[in-house]
Amino acid sequence: EHIKAQRQQLVEKNMSGVYSDEIFKEQNAILEEKLTRAMIVKD
């Protein structure tokens, strides 16, 4: 839930222009990796 909230904030900042597309892609990949690991632990 914490990672999903971080990803939503990242999307909002990207849409508002605070984060560029390059920064968004880099940070989103990191969050996706964390989410994958958390899902594996849960499963």
Full PDB file with SEQRES, HELIX, SHEET, SSBOND, CRYST1, ORIGX, SCALE, CONECT and MASTER records, all heavy atoms in Angstrom:
SEQRES   1 A   43  GLU HIS ILE LYS ALA GLN ARG GLN GLN LEU VAL GLU LYS          
SEQRES   2 A   43  ASN MET SER GLY VAL TYR SER ASP GLU ILE PHE LYS GLU          
SEQRES   3 A   43  GLN ASN ALA ILE LEU GLU GLU LYS LEU THR ARG ALA MET          
SEQRES   4 A   43  ILE VAL LYS ASP                                              
HELIX    1 AA1 HIS A    2  SER A   16  1                                  15    
HELIX    2 AA2 ASP A   21  LYS A   42  1                                  22    
CRYST1    1.000    1.000    1.000  90.00  90.00  90.00 P 1           1          
ORIGX1      1.000000  0.000000  0.000000        0.00000                         
ORIGX2      0.000000  1.000000  0.000000        0.00000                         
ORIGX3      0.000000  0.000000  1.000000        0.00000                         
SCALE1      1.000000  0.000000  0.000000        0.00000                         
SCALE2      0.000000  1.000000  0.000000        0.00000                         
SCALE3      0.000000  0.000000  1.000000        0.00000                         
ATOM      1  N   GLU A   1       0.828  -1.207   0.000  1.00  0.00           N  
ATOM      2  CA  GLU A   1       0.000   0.000   0.000  1.00  0.00           C  
ATOM      3  C   GLU A   1       0.864   1.260   0.000  1.00  0.00           C  
ATOM      4  O   GLU A   1       0.555   2.250  -0.668  1.00  0.00           O  
ATOM      5  CB  GLU A   1      -0.938  -0.009   1.203  1.00  0.00           C  
ATOM      6  CG  GLU A   1      -2.015  -1.090   1.153  1.00  0.00           C  
ATOM      7  CD  GLU A   1      -2.897  -0.943  -0.078  1.00  0.00           C  
ATOM      8  OE1 GLU A   1      -3.214   0.202  -0.462  1.00  0.00           O  
ATOM      9  OE2 GLU A   1      -3.264  -1.978  -0.663  1.00  0.00           O  
ATOM     10  N   HIS A   2       1.964   1.225   0.759  1.00  0.00           N  
ATOM     11  CA  HIS A   2       2.874   2.376   0.808  1.00  0.00           C  
ATOM     12  C   HIS A   2       3.517   2.618  -0.561  1.00  0.00           C  
ATOM     13  O   HIS A   2       3.614   3.770  -1.013  1.00  0.00           O  
ATOM     14  CB  HIS A   2       3.941   2.127   1.868  1.00  0.00           C  
ATOM     15  CG  HIS A   2       4.954   3.244   1.978  1.00  0.00           C  
ATOM     16  ND1 HIS A   2       4.621   4.511   2.418  1.00  0.00           N  
ATOM     17  CD2 HIS A   2       6.288   3.268   1.685  1.00  0.00           C  
ATOM     18  CE1 HIS A   2       5.703   5.276   2.401  1.00  0.00           C  
ATOM     19  NE2 HIS A   2       6.729   4.541   1.954  1.00  0.00           N  
ATOM     20  N   ILE A   3       3.937   1.542  -1.237  1.00  0.00           N  
ATOM     21  CA  ILE A   3       4.568   1.682  -2.561  1.00  0.00           C  
ATOM     22  C   ILE A   3       3.562   2.209  -3.576  1.00  0.00           C  
ATOM     23  O   ILE A   3       3.888   3.067  -4.404  1.00  0.00           O  
ATOM     24  CB  ILE A   3       5.144   0.323  -3.015  1.00  0.00           C  
ATOM     25  CG1 ILE A   3       6.288  -0.093  -2.091  1.00  0.00           C  
ATOM     26  CG2 ILE A   3       5.632   0.403  -4.457  1.00  0.00           C  
ATOM     27  CD1 ILE A   3       6.807  -1.490  -2.352  1.00  0.00           C  
ATOM     28  N   LYS A   4       2.325   1.723  -3.508  1.00  0.00           N  
ATOM     29  CA  LYS A   4       1.303   2.196  -4.442  1.00  0.00           C  
ATOM     30  C   LYS A   4       1.015   3.689  -4.232  1.00  0.00           C  
ATOM     31  O   LYS A   4       0.796   4.427  -5.196  1.00  0.00           O  
ATOM     32  CB  LYS A   4       0.017   1.378  -4.271  1.00  0.00           C  
ATOM     33  CG  LYS A   4       0.123  -0.046  -4.803  1.00  0.00           C  
ATOM     34  CD  LYS A   4      -1.193  -0.791  -4.651  1.00  0.00           C  
ATOM     35  CE  LYS A   4      -1.107  -2.180  -5.258  1.00  0.00           C  
ATOM     36  NZ  LYS A   4      -2.366  -2.941  -5.114  1.00  0.00           N  
ATOM     37  N   ALA A   5       1.021   4.112  -2.962  1.00  0.00           N  
ATOM     38  CA  ALA A   5       0.807   5.540  -2.685  1.00  0.00           C  
ATOM     39  C   ALA A   5       1.968   6.372  -3.245  1.00  0.00           C  
ATOM     40  O   ALA A   5       1.762   7.457  -3.806  1.00  0.00           O  
ATOM     41  CB  ALA A   5       0.670   5.755  -1.183  1.00  0.00           C  
ATOM     42  N   GLN A   6       3.197   5.866  -3.100  1.00  0.00           N  
ATOM     43  CA  GLN A   6       4.353   6.572  -3.662  1.00  0.00           C  
ATOM     44  C   GLN A   6       4.256   6.665  -5.183  1.00  0.00           C  
ATOM     45  O   GLN A   6       4.577   7.705  -5.768  1.00  0.00           O  
ATOM     46  CB  GLN A   6       5.638   5.830  -3.274  1.00  0.00           C  
ATOM     47  CG  GLN A   6       6.048   6.019  -1.824  1.00  0.00           C  
ATOM     48  CD  GLN A   6       7.358   5.325  -1.532  1.00  0.00           C  
ATOM     49  OE1 GLN A   6       7.594   4.192  -1.953  1.00  0.00           O  
ATOM     50  NE2 GLN A   6       8.240   5.992  -0.811  1.00  0.00           N  
ATOM     51  N   ARG A   7       3.789   5.587  -5.806  1.00  0.00           N  
ATOM     52  CA  ARG A   7       3.682   5.600  -7.263  1.00  0.00           C  
ATOM     53  C   ARG A   7       2.614   6.581  -7.731  1.00  0.00           C  
ATOM     54  O   ARG A   7       2.781   7.253  -8.743  1.00  0.00           O  
ATOM     55  CB  ARG A   7       3.371   4.190  -7.778  1.00  0.00           C  
ATOM     56  CG  ARG A   7       3.454   4.058  -9.285  1.00  0.00           C  
ATOM     57  CD  ARG A   7       3.499   2.622  -9.729  1.00  0.00           C  
ATOM     58  NE  ARG A   7       2.323   1.895  -9.312  1.00  0.00           N  
ATOM     59  CZ  ARG A   7       2.117   0.597  -9.569  1.00  0.00           C  
ATOM     60  NH1 ARG A   7       3.026  -0.087 -10.234  1.00  0.00           N  
ATOM     61  NH2 ARG A   7       1.023  -0.014  -9.164  1.00  0.00           N  
ATOM     62  N   GLN A   8       1.519   6.695  -6.963  1.00  0.00           N  
ATOM     63  CA  GLN A   8       0.475   7.638  -7.325  1.00  0.00           C  
ATOM     64  C   GLN A   8       0.985   9.079  -7.216  1.00  0.00           C  
ATOM     65  O   GLN A   8       0.699   9.922  -8.078  1.00  0.00           O  
ATOM     66  CB  GLN A   8      -0.745   7.435  -6.417  1.00  0.00           C  
ATOM     67  CG  GLN A   8      -1.928   8.320  -6.743  1.00  0.00           C  
ATOM     68  CD  GLN A   8      -2.450   8.119  -8.147  1.00  0.00           C  
ATOM     69  OE1 GLN A   8      -2.427   7.014  -8.652  1.00  0.00           O  
ATOM     70  NE2 GLN A   8      -2.925   9.188  -8.777  1.00  0.00           N  
ATOM     71  N   GLN A   9       1.758   9.359  -6.174  1.00  0.00           N  
ATOM     72  CA  GLN A   9       2.353  10.690  -6.029  1.00  0.00           C  
ATOM     73  C   GLN A   9       3.323  10.978  -7.169  1.00  0.00           C  
ATOM     74  O   GLN A   9       3.381  12.103  -7.685  1.00  0.00           O  
ATOM     75  CB  GLN A   9       3.074  10.782  -4.685  1.00  0.00           C  
ATOM     76  CG  GLN A   9       2.160  10.737  -3.470  1.00  0.00           C  
ATOM     77  CD  GLN A   9       2.944  10.781  -2.178  1.00  0.00           C  
ATOM     78  OE1 GLN A   9       4.169  10.863  -2.170  1.00  0.00           O  
ATOM     79  NE2 GLN A   9       2.225  10.719  -1.052  1.00  0.00           N  
ATOM     80  N   LEU A  10       4.060   9.955  -7.580  1.00  0.00           N  
ATOM     81  CA  LEU A  10       4.998  10.125  -8.686  1.00  0.00           C  
ATOM     82  C   LEU A  10       4.262  10.476  -9.974  1.00  0.00           C  
ATOM     83  O   LEU A  10       4.692  11.357 -10.731  1.00  0.00           O  
ATOM     84  CB  LEU A  10       5.807   8.842  -8.868  1.00  0.00           C  
ATOM     85  CG  LEU A  10       6.874   8.847  -9.970  1.00  0.00           C  
ATOM     86  CD1 LEU A  10       7.964   9.855  -9.651  1.00  0.00           C  
ATOM     87  CD2 LEU A  10       7.472   7.450 -10.137  1.00  0.00           C  
ATOM     88  N   VAL A  11       3.136   9.813 -10.210  1.00  0.00           N  
ATOM     89  CA  VAL A  11       2.341  10.089 -11.413  1.00  0.00           C  
ATOM     90  C   VAL A  11       1.807  11.515 -11.383  1.00  0.00           C  
ATOM     91  O   VAL A  11       1.865  12.248 -12.388  1.00  0.00           O  
ATOM     92  CB  VAL A  11       1.187   9.081 -11.526  1.00  0.00           C  
ATOM     93  CG1 VAL A  11       0.215   9.490 -12.635  1.00  0.00           C  
ATOM     94  CG2 VAL A  11       1.713   7.687 -11.801  1.00  0.00           C  
ATOM     95  N   GLU A  12       1.294  11.925 -10.240  1.00  0.00           N  
ATOM     96  CA  GLU A  12       0.734  13.276 -10.125  1.00  0.00           C  
ATOM     97  C   GLU A  12       1.803  14.342 -10.350  1.00  0.00           C  
ATOM     98  O   GLU A  12       1.553  15.351 -11.019  1.00  0.00           O  
ATOM     99  CB  GLU A  12       0.091  13.436  -8.744  1.00  0.00           C  
ATOM    100  CG  GLU A  12      -1.150  12.563  -8.553  1.00  0.00           C  
ATOM    101  CD  GLU A  12      -1.692  12.647  -7.142  1.00  0.00           C  
ATOM    102  OE1 GLU A  12      -1.041  13.327  -6.297  1.00  0.00           O  
ATOM    103  OE2 GLU A  12      -2.749  12.054  -6.868  1.00  0.00           O  
ATOM    104  N   LYS A  13       3.008  14.130  -9.812  1.00  0.00           N  
ATOM    105  CA  LYS A  13       4.081  15.108 -10.004  1.00  0.00           C  
ATOM    106  C   LYS A  13       4.553  15.127 -11.448  1.00  0.00           C  
ATOM    107  O   LYS A  13       4.944  16.181 -11.968  1.00  0.00           O  
ATOM    108  CB  LYS A  13       5.244  14.797  -9.066  1.00  0.00           C  
ATOM    109  CG  LYS A  13       4.927  15.071  -7.594  1.00  0.00           C  
ATOM    110  CD  LYS A  13       6.136  14.841  -6.713  1.00  0.00           C  
ATOM    111  CE  LYS A  13       5.808  15.168  -5.265  1.00  0.00           C  
ATOM    112  NZ  LYS A  13       6.978  14.969  -4.367  1.00  0.00           N  
ATOM    113  N   ASN A  14       4.515  13.966 -12.104  1.00  0.00           N  
ATOM    114  CA  ASN A  14       4.887  13.934 -13.516  1.00  0.00           C  
ATOM    115  C   ASN A  14       3.861  14.669 -14.374  1.00  0.00           C  
ATOM    116  O   ASN A  14       4.217  15.410 -15.294  1.00  0.00           O  
ATOM    117  CB  ASN A  14       5.024  12.482 -13.979  1.00  0.00           C  
ATOM    118  CG  ASN A  14       5.290  12.370 -15.470  1.00  0.00           C  
ATOM    119  OD1 ASN A  14       4.432  11.917 -16.231  1.00  0.00           O  
ATOM    120  ND2 ASN A  14       6.478  12.785 -15.897  1.00  0.00           N  
ATOM    121  N   MET A  15       2.577  14.494 -14.072  1.00  0.00           N  
ATOM    122  CA  MET A  15       1.533  15.144 -14.837  1.00  0.00           C  
ATOM    123  C   MET A  15       1.527  16.658 -14.608  1.00  0.00           C  
ATOM    124  O   MET A  15       1.170  17.436 -15.499  1.00  0.00           O  
ATOM    125  CB  MET A  15       0.172  14.556 -14.471  1.00  0.00           C  
ATOM    126  CG  MET A  15       0.020  13.075 -14.812  1.00  0.00           C  
ATOM    127  SD  MET A  15       0.326  12.713 -16.557  1.00  0.00           S  
ATOM    128  CE  MET A  15      -0.968  13.680 -17.313  1.00  0.00           C  
ATOM    129  N   SER A  16       1.924  17.074 -13.404  1.00  0.00           N  
ATOM    130  CA  SER A  16       1.944  18.511 -13.104  1.00  0.00           C  
ATOM    131  C   SER A  16       3.233  19.186 -13.572  1.00  0.00           C  
ATOM    132  O   SER A  16       3.375  20.403 -13.450  1.00  0.00           O  
ATOM    133  CB  SER A  16       1.770  18.736 -11.605  1.00  0.00           C  
ATOM    134  OG  SER A  16       2.830  18.146 -10.876  1.00  0.00           O  
ATOM    135  N   GLY A  17       4.192  18.406 -14.067  1.00  0.00           N  
ATOM    136  CA  GLY A  17       5.425  18.975 -14.585  1.00  0.00           C  
ATOM    137  C   GLY A  17       6.543  19.090 -13.583  1.00  0.00           C  
ATOM    138  O   GLY A  17       7.621  19.589 -13.911  1.00  0.00           O  
ATOM    139  N   VAL A  18       6.330  18.626 -12.342  1.00  0.00           N  
ATOM    140  CA  VAL A  18       7.385  18.698 -11.329  1.00  0.00           C  
ATOM    141  C   VAL A  18       8.522  17.746 -11.696  1.00  0.00           C  
ATOM    142  O   VAL A  18       9.708  18.087 -11.567  1.00  0.00           O  
ATOM    143  CB  VAL A  18       6.813  18.362  -9.942  1.00  0.00           C  
ATOM    144  CG1 VAL A  18       7.936  18.358  -8.897  1.00  0.00           C  
ATOM    145  CG2 VAL A  18       5.724  19.347  -9.563  1.00  0.00           C  
ATOM    146  N   TYR A  19       8.161  16.523 -12.153  1.00  0.00           N  
ATOM    147  CA  TYR A  19       9.150  15.550 -12.574  1.00  0.00           C  
ATOM    148  C   TYR A  19       9.096  15.402 -14.087  1.00  0.00           C  
ATOM    149  O   TYR A  19       8.015  15.315 -14.672  1.00  0.00           O  
ATOM    150  CB  TYR A  19       8.892  14.185 -11.927  1.00  0.00           C  
ATOM    151  CG  TYR A  19       9.207  14.116 -10.448  1.00  0.00           C  
ATOM    152  CD1 TYR A  19       8.667  13.108  -9.655  1.00  0.00           C  
ATOM    153  CD2 TYR A  19      10.054  15.042  -9.843  1.00  0.00           C  
ATOM    154  CE1 TYR A  19       8.948  13.037  -8.304  1.00  0.00           C  
ATOM    155  CE2 TYR A  19      10.338  14.974  -8.507  1.00  0.00           C  
ATOM    156  CZ  TYR A  19       9.784  13.980  -7.735  1.00  0.00           C  
ATOM    157  OH  TYR A  19      10.063  13.910  -6.397  1.00  0.00           O  
ATOM    158  N   SER A  20      10.259  15.369 -14.708  1.00  0.00           N  
ATOM    159  CA  SER A  20      10.317  15.136 -16.152  1.00  0.00           C  
ATOM    160  C   SER A  20      10.000  13.665 -16.446  1.00  0.00           C  
ATOM    161  O   SER A  20       9.979  12.820 -15.540  1.00  0.00           O  
ATOM    162  CB  SER A  20      11.702  15.488 -16.690  1.00  0.00           C  
ATOM    163  OG  SER A  20      12.681  14.626 -16.124  1.00  0.00           O  
ATOM    164  N   ASP A  21       9.789  13.370 -17.717  1.00  0.00           N  
ATOM    165  CA  ASP A  21       9.494  11.988 -18.109  1.00  0.00           C  
ATOM    166  C   ASP A  21      10.669  11.066 -17.801  1.00  0.00           C  
ATOM    167  O   ASP A  21      10.476   9.897 -17.425  1.00  0.00           O  
ATOM    168  CB  ASP A  21       9.160  11.922 -19.602  1.00  0.00           C  
ATOM    169  CG  ASP A  21       7.825  12.578 -19.927  1.00  0.00           C  
ATOM    170  OD1 ASP A  21       7.039  12.792 -18.979  1.00  0.00           O  
ATOM    171  OD2 ASP A  21       7.573  12.866 -21.113  1.00  0.00           O  
ATOM    172  N   GLU A  22      11.896  11.551 -17.945  1.00  0.00           N  
ATOM    173  CA  GLU A  22      13.065  10.723 -17.652  1.00  0.00           C  
ATOM    174  C   GLU A  22      13.136  10.354 -16.176  1.00  0.00           C  
ATOM    175  O   GLU A  22      13.369   9.196 -15.816  1.00  0.00           O  
ATOM    176  CB  GLU A  22      14.352  11.455 -18.075  1.00  0.00           C  
ATOM    177  CG  GLU A  22      14.549  11.601 -19.576  1.00  0.00           C  
ATOM    178  CD  GLU A  22      13.629  12.658 -20.180  1.00  0.00           C  
ATOM    179  OE1 GLU A  22      13.059  13.460 -19.400  1.00  0.00           O  
ATOM    180  OE2 GLU A  22      13.480  12.678 -21.418  1.00  0.00           O  
ATOM    181  N   ILE A  23      12.911  11.358 -15.320  1.00  0.00           N  
ATOM    182  CA  ILE A  23      12.920  11.081 -13.875  1.00  0.00           C  
ATOM    183  C   ILE A  23      11.773  10.151 -13.516  1.00  0.00           C  
ATOM    184  O   ILE A  23      11.926   9.243 -12.692  1.00  0.00           O  
ATOM    185  CB  ILE A  23      12.829  12.407 -13.083  1.00  0.00           C  
ATOM    186  CG1 ILE A  23      14.080  13.263 -13.342  1.00  0.00           C  
ATOM    187  CG2 ILE A  23      12.650  12.135 -11.600  1.00  0.00           C  
ATOM    188  CD1 ILE A  23      14.045  14.607 -12.644  1.00  0.00           C  
ATOM    189  N   PHE A  24      10.611  10.379 -14.136  1.00  0.00           N  
ATOM    190  CA  PHE A  24       9.447   9.520 -13.853  1.00  0.00           C  
ATOM    191  C   PHE A  24       9.756   8.060 -14.193  1.00  0.00           C  
ATOM    192  O   PHE A  24       9.484   7.155 -13.391  1.00  0.00           O  
ATOM    193  CB  PHE A  24       8.232   9.992 -14.658  1.00  0.00           C  
ATOM    194  CG  PHE A  24       7.073   9.048 -14.587  1.00  0.00           C  
ATOM    195  CD1 PHE A  24       6.200   9.065 -13.504  1.00  0.00           C  
ATOM    196  CD2 PHE A  24       6.859   8.111 -15.602  1.00  0.00           C  
ATOM    197  CE1 PHE A  24       5.143   8.189 -13.435  1.00  0.00           C  
ATOM    198  CE2 PHE A  24       5.799   7.231 -15.534  1.00  0.00           C  
ATOM    199  CZ  PHE A  24       4.944   7.271 -14.451  1.00  0.00           C  
ATOM    200  N   LYS A  25      10.325   7.824 -15.371  1.00  0.00           N  
ATOM    201  CA  LYS A  25      10.613   6.453 -15.786  1.00  0.00           C  
ATOM    202  C   LYS A  25      11.617   5.798 -14.850  1.00  0.00           C  
ATOM    203  O   LYS A  25      11.476   4.622 -14.486  1.00  0.00           O  
ATOM    204  CB  LYS A  25      11.140   6.447 -17.223  1.00  0.00           C  
ATOM    205  CG  LYS A  25      10.093   6.830 -18.259  1.00  0.00           C  
ATOM    206  CD  LYS A  25      10.699   6.851 -19.662  1.00  0.00           C  
ATOM    207  CE  LYS A  25       9.653   7.247 -20.697  1.00  0.00           C  
ATOM    208  NZ  LYS A  25      10.224   7.290 -22.074  1.00  0.00           N  
ATOM    209  N   GLU A  26      12.632   6.562 -14.436  1.00  0.00           N  
ATOM    210  CA  GLU A  26      13.644   6.007 -13.548  1.00  0.00           C  
ATOM    211  C   GLU A  26      13.053   5.645 -12.186  1.00  0.00           C  
ATOM    212  O   GLU A  26      13.249   4.534 -11.682  1.00  0.00           O  
ATOM    213  CB  GLU A  26      14.776   7.022 -13.384  1.00  0.00           C  
ATOM    214  CG  GLU A  26      15.877   6.558 -12.439  1.00  0.00           C  
ATOM    215  CD  GLU A  26      16.939   7.621 -12.239  1.00  0.00           C  
ATOM    216  OE1 GLU A  26      16.894   8.654 -12.948  1.00  0.00           O  
ATOM    217  OE2 GLU A  26      17.805   7.425 -11.373  1.00  0.00           O  
ATOM    218  N   GLN A  27      12.294   6.579 -11.589  1.00  0.00           N  
ATOM    219  CA  GLN A  27      11.715   6.328 -10.272  1.00  0.00           C  
ATOM    220  C   GLN A  27      10.611   5.264 -10.339  1.00  0.00           C  
ATOM    221  O   GLN A  27      10.456   4.459  -9.420  1.00  0.00           O  
ATOM    222  CB  GLN A  27      11.148   7.633  -9.702  1.00  0.00           C  
ATOM    223  CG  GLN A  27      12.205   8.680  -9.411  1.00  0.00           C  
ATOM    224  CD  GLN A  27      13.233   8.198  -8.402  1.00  0.00           C  
ATOM    225  OE1 GLN A  27      12.878   7.598  -7.380  1.00  0.00           O  
ATOM    226  NE2 GLN A  27      14.504   8.469  -8.671  1.00  0.00           N  
ATOM    227  N   ASN A  28       9.853   5.265 -11.428  1.00  0.00           N  
ATOM    228  CA  ASN A  28       8.782   4.271 -11.568  1.00  0.00           C  
ATOM    229  C   ASN A  28       9.358   2.863 -11.668  1.00  0.00           C  
ATOM    230  O   ASN A  28       8.785   1.908 -11.139  1.00  0.00           O  
ATOM    231  CB  ASN A  28       7.933   4.584 -12.801  1.00  0.00           C  
ATOM    232  CG  ASN A  28       6.709   3.698 -12.882  1.00  0.00           C  
ATOM    233  OD1 ASN A  28       5.865   3.685 -11.988  1.00  0.00           O  
ATOM    234  ND2 ASN A  28       6.589   2.953 -13.963  1.00  0.00           N  
ATOM    235  N   ALA A  29      10.500   2.710 -12.353  1.00  0.00           N  
ATOM    236  CA  ALA A  29      11.149   1.402 -12.448  1.00  0.00           C  
ATOM    237  C   ALA A  29      11.605   0.911 -11.073  1.00  0.00           C  
ATOM    238  O   ALA A  29      11.487  -0.278 -10.749  1.00  0.00           O  
ATOM    239  CB  ALA A  29      12.339   1.481 -13.411  1.00  0.00           C  
ATOM    240  N   ILE A  30      12.098   1.839 -10.254  1.00  0.00           N  
ATOM    241  CA  ILE A  30      12.532   1.469  -8.897  1.00  0.00           C  
ATOM    242  C   ILE A  30      11.331   1.011  -8.066  1.00  0.00           C  
ATOM    243  O   ILE A  30      11.391  -0.016  -7.367  1.00  0.00           O  
ATOM    244  CB  ILE A  30      13.234   2.664  -8.224  1.00  0.00           C  
ATOM    245  CG1 ILE A  30      14.533   2.999  -8.970  1.00  0.00           C  
ATOM    246  CG2 ILE A  30      13.521   2.364  -6.748  1.00  0.00           C  
ATOM    247  CD1 ILE A  30      15.231   4.250  -8.461  1.00  0.00           C  
ATOM    248  N   LEU A  31      10.224   1.769  -8.145  1.00  0.00           N  
ATOM    249  CA  LEU A  31       9.032   1.396  -7.388  1.00  0.00           C  
ATOM    250  C   LEU A  31       8.450   0.079  -7.891  1.00  0.00           C  
ATOM    251  O   LEU A  31       7.948  -0.732  -7.095  1.00  0.00           O  
ATOM    252  CB  LEU A  31       7.981   2.515  -7.492  1.00  0.00           C  
ATOM    253  CG  LEU A  31       8.332   3.827  -6.792  1.00  0.00           C  
ATOM    254  CD1 LEU A  31       7.242   4.863  -7.038  1.00  0.00           C  
ATOM    255  CD2 LEU A  31       8.520   3.612  -5.285  1.00  0.00           C  
ATOM    256  N   GLU A  32       8.510  -0.145  -9.192  1.00  0.00           N  
ATOM    257  CA  GLU A  32       8.000  -1.396  -9.758  1.00  0.00           C  
ATOM    258  C   GLU A  32       8.813  -2.584  -9.242  1.00  0.00           C  
ATOM    259  O   GLU A  32       8.264  -3.644  -8.933  1.00  0.00           O  
ATOM    260  CB  GLU A  32       8.064  -1.337 -11.287  1.00  0.00           C  
ATOM    261  CG  GLU A  32       7.356  -2.474 -11.989  1.00  0.00           C  
ATOM    262  CD  GLU A  32       5.858  -2.373 -11.918  1.00  0.00           C  
ATOM    263  OE1 GLU A  32       5.343  -1.286 -11.567  1.00  0.00           O  
ATOM    264  OE2 GLU A  32       5.189  -3.381 -12.203  1.00  0.00           O  
ATOM    265  N   GLU A  33      10.116  -2.405  -9.121  1.00  0.00           N  
ATOM    266  CA  GLU A  33      10.978  -3.455  -8.587  1.00  0.00           C  
ATOM    267  C   GLU A  33      10.628  -3.743  -7.124  1.00  0.00           C  
ATOM    268  O   GLU A  33      10.524  -4.906  -6.710  1.00  0.00           O  
ATOM    269  CB  GLU A  33      12.442  -3.021  -8.709  1.00  0.00           C  
ATOM    270  CG  GLU A  33      13.449  -4.000  -8.123  1.00  0.00           C  
ATOM    271  CD  GLU A  33      13.615  -5.234  -8.991  1.00  0.00           C  
ATOM    272  OE1 GLU A  33      13.183  -5.210 -10.158  1.00  0.00           O  
ATOM    273  OE2 GLU A  33      14.175  -6.222  -8.484  1.00  0.00           O  
ATOM    274  N   LYS A  34      10.417  -2.699  -6.343  1.00  0.00           N  
ATOM    275  CA  LYS A  34      10.042  -2.890  -4.938  1.00  0.00           C  
ATOM    276  C   LYS A  34       8.688  -3.576  -4.824  1.00  0.00           C  
ATOM    277  O   LYS A  34       8.492  -4.449  -3.969  1.00  0.00           O  
ATOM    278  CB  LYS A  34       9.993  -1.530  -4.228  1.00  0.00           C  
ATOM    279  CG  LYS A  34      11.351  -0.866  -4.038  1.00  0.00           C  
ATOM    280  CD  LYS A  34      11.207   0.457  -3.299  1.00  0.00           C  
ATOM    281  CE  LYS A  34      12.554   1.125  -3.072  1.00  0.00           C  
ATOM    282  NZ  LYS A  34      12.417   2.421  -2.360  1.00  0.00           N  
ATOM    283  N   LEU A  35       7.748  -3.194  -5.690  1.00  0.00           N  
ATOM    284  CA  LEU A  35       6.419  -3.791  -5.652  1.00  0.00           C  
ATOM    285  C   LEU A  35       6.481  -5.265  -6.015  1.00  0.00           C  
ATOM    286  O   LEU A  35       5.792  -6.093  -5.402  1.00  0.00           O  
ATOM    287  CB  LEU A  35       5.489  -3.047  -6.613  1.00  0.00           C  
ATOM    288  CG  LEU A  35       4.016  -3.473  -6.599  1.00  0.00           C  
ATOM    289  CD1 LEU A  35       3.407  -3.249  -5.222  1.00  0.00           C  
ATOM    290  CD2 LEU A  35       3.222  -2.705  -7.650  1.00  0.00           C  
ATOM    291  N   THR A  36       7.316  -5.607  -6.989  1.00  0.00           N  
ATOM    292  CA  THR A  36       7.461  -7.014  -7.375  1.00  0.00           C  
ATOM    293  C   THR A  36       7.994  -7.839  -6.219  1.00  0.00           C  
ATOM    294  O   THR A  36       7.473  -8.924  -5.925  1.00  0.00           O  
ATOM    295  CB  THR A  36       8.418  -7.125  -8.581  1.00  0.00           C  
ATOM    296  OG1 THR A  36       7.874  -6.382  -9.683  1.00  0.00           O  
ATOM    297  CG2 THR A  36       8.590  -8.578  -9.001  1.00  0.00           C  
ATOM    298  N   ARG A  37       8.997  -7.328  -5.532  1.00  0.00           N  
ATOM    299  CA  ARG A  37       9.561  -8.064  -4.393  1.00  0.00           C  
ATOM    300  C   ARG A  37       8.538  -8.212  -3.275  1.00  0.00           C  
ATOM    301  O   ARG A  37       8.432  -9.280  -2.651  1.00  0.00           O  
ATOM    302  CB  ARG A  37      10.797  -7.337  -3.883  1.00  0.00           C  
ATOM    303  CG  ARG A  37      11.967  -7.357  -4.858  1.00  0.00           C  
ATOM    304  CD  ARG A  37      13.153  -6.573  -4.316  1.00  0.00           C  
ATOM    305  NE  ARG A  37      14.281  -6.586  -5.236  1.00  0.00           N  
ATOM    306  CZ  ARG A  37      15.406  -5.928  -5.050  1.00  0.00           C  
ATOM    307  NH1 ARG A  37      15.554  -5.191  -3.940  1.00  0.00           N  
ATOM    308  NH2 ARG A  37      16.385  -5.993  -5.929  1.00  0.00           N  
ATOM    309  N   ALA A  38       7.774  -7.164  -3.020  1.00  0.00           N  
ATOM    310  CA  ALA A  38       6.761  -7.235  -1.962  1.00  0.00           C  
ATOM    311  C   ALA A  38       5.681  -8.239  -2.317  1.00  0.00           C  
ATOM    312  O   ALA A  38       5.203  -8.985  -1.448  1.00  0.00           O  
ATOM    313  CB  ALA A  38       6.143  -5.851  -1.739  1.00  0.00           C  
ATOM    314  N   MET A  39       5.302  -8.286  -3.586  1.00  0.00           N  
ATOM    315  CA  MET A  39       4.283  -9.243  -4.016  1.00  0.00           C  
ATOM    316  C   MET A  39       4.787 -10.672  -3.891  1.00  0.00           C  
ATOM    317  O   MET A  39       4.035 -11.579  -3.527  1.00  0.00           O  
ATOM    318  CB  MET A  39       3.878  -8.955  -5.464  1.00  0.00           C  
ATOM    319  CG  MET A  39       3.015  -7.715  -5.624  1.00  0.00           C  
ATOM    320  SD  MET A  39       1.395  -7.932  -4.853  1.00  0.00           S  
ATOM    321  CE  MET A  39       0.601  -6.390  -5.348  1.00  0.00           C  
ATOM    322  N   ILE A  40       6.066 -10.884  -4.207  1.00  0.00           N  
ATOM    323  CA  ILE A  40       6.639 -12.226  -4.077  1.00  0.00           C  
ATOM    324  C   ILE A  40       6.654 -12.659  -2.616  1.00  0.00           C  
ATOM    325  O   ILE A  40       6.325 -13.797  -2.277  1.00  0.00           O  
ATOM    326  CB  ILE A  40       8.058 -12.250  -4.665  1.00  0.00           C  
ATOM    327  CG1 ILE A  40       8.004 -12.019  -6.177  1.00  0.00           C  
ATOM    328  CG2 ILE A  40       8.749 -13.576  -4.373  1.00  0.00           C  
ATOM    329  CD1 ILE A  40       9.372 -11.874  -6.811  1.00  0.00           C  
ATOM    330  N   VAL A  41       7.031 -11.751  -1.722  1.00  0.00           N  
ATOM    331  CA  VAL A  41       7.025 -12.063  -0.293  1.00  0.00           C  
ATOM    332  C   VAL A  41       5.619 -12.414   0.166  1.00  0.00           C  
ATOM    333  O   VAL A  41       5.410 -13.395   0.887  1.00  0.00           O  
ATOM    334  CB  VAL A  41       7.571 -10.871   0.515  1.00  0.00           C  
ATOM    335  CG1 VAL A  41       7.351 -11.097   2.003  1.00  0.00           C  
ATOM    336  CG2 VAL A  41       9.048 -10.668   0.225  1.00  0.00           C  
ATOM    337  N   LYS A  42       4.648 -11.653  -0.276  1.00  0.00           N  
ATOM    338  CA  LYS A  42       3.265 -11.919   0.109  1.00  0.00           C  
ATOM    339  C   LYS A  42       2.800 -13.261  -0.414  1.00  0.00           C  
ATOM    340  O   LYS A  42       2.150 -14.036   0.283  1.00  0.00           O  
ATOM    341  CB  LYS A  42       2.359 -10.813  -0.421  1.00  0.00           C  
ATOM    342  CG  LYS A  42       0.887 -11.009  -0.060  1.00  0.00           C  
ATOM    343  CD  LYS A  42       0.037  -9.880  -0.610  1.00  0.00           C  
ATOM    344  CE  LYS A  42      -1.429 -10.118  -0.271  1.00  0.00           C  
ATOM    345  NZ  LYS A  42      -2.284  -9.026  -0.794  1.00  0.00           N  
ATOM    346  N   ASP A  43       3.138 -13.572  -1.660  1.00  0.00           N  
ATOM    347  CA  ASP A  43       2.700 -14.838  -2.256  1.00  0.00           C  
ATOM    348  C   ASP A  43       3.391 -16.019  -1.582  1.00  0.00           C  
ATOM    349  O   ASP A  43       2.777 -17.031  -1.312  1.00  0.00           O  
ATOM    350  CB  ASP A  43       3.012 -14.833  -3.753  1.00  0.00           C  
ATOM    351  CG  ASP A  43       2.528 -16.098  -4.436  1.00  0.00           C  
ATOM    352  OD1 ASP A  43       1.316 -16.242  -4.594  1.00  0.00           O  
ATOM    353  OD2 ASP A  43       3.368 -16.938  -4.809  1.00  0.00           O  
TER     354      ASP A  43                                                      
MASTER        0    0    0    2    0    0    0    6  353    1    0    4          
END                                                                             
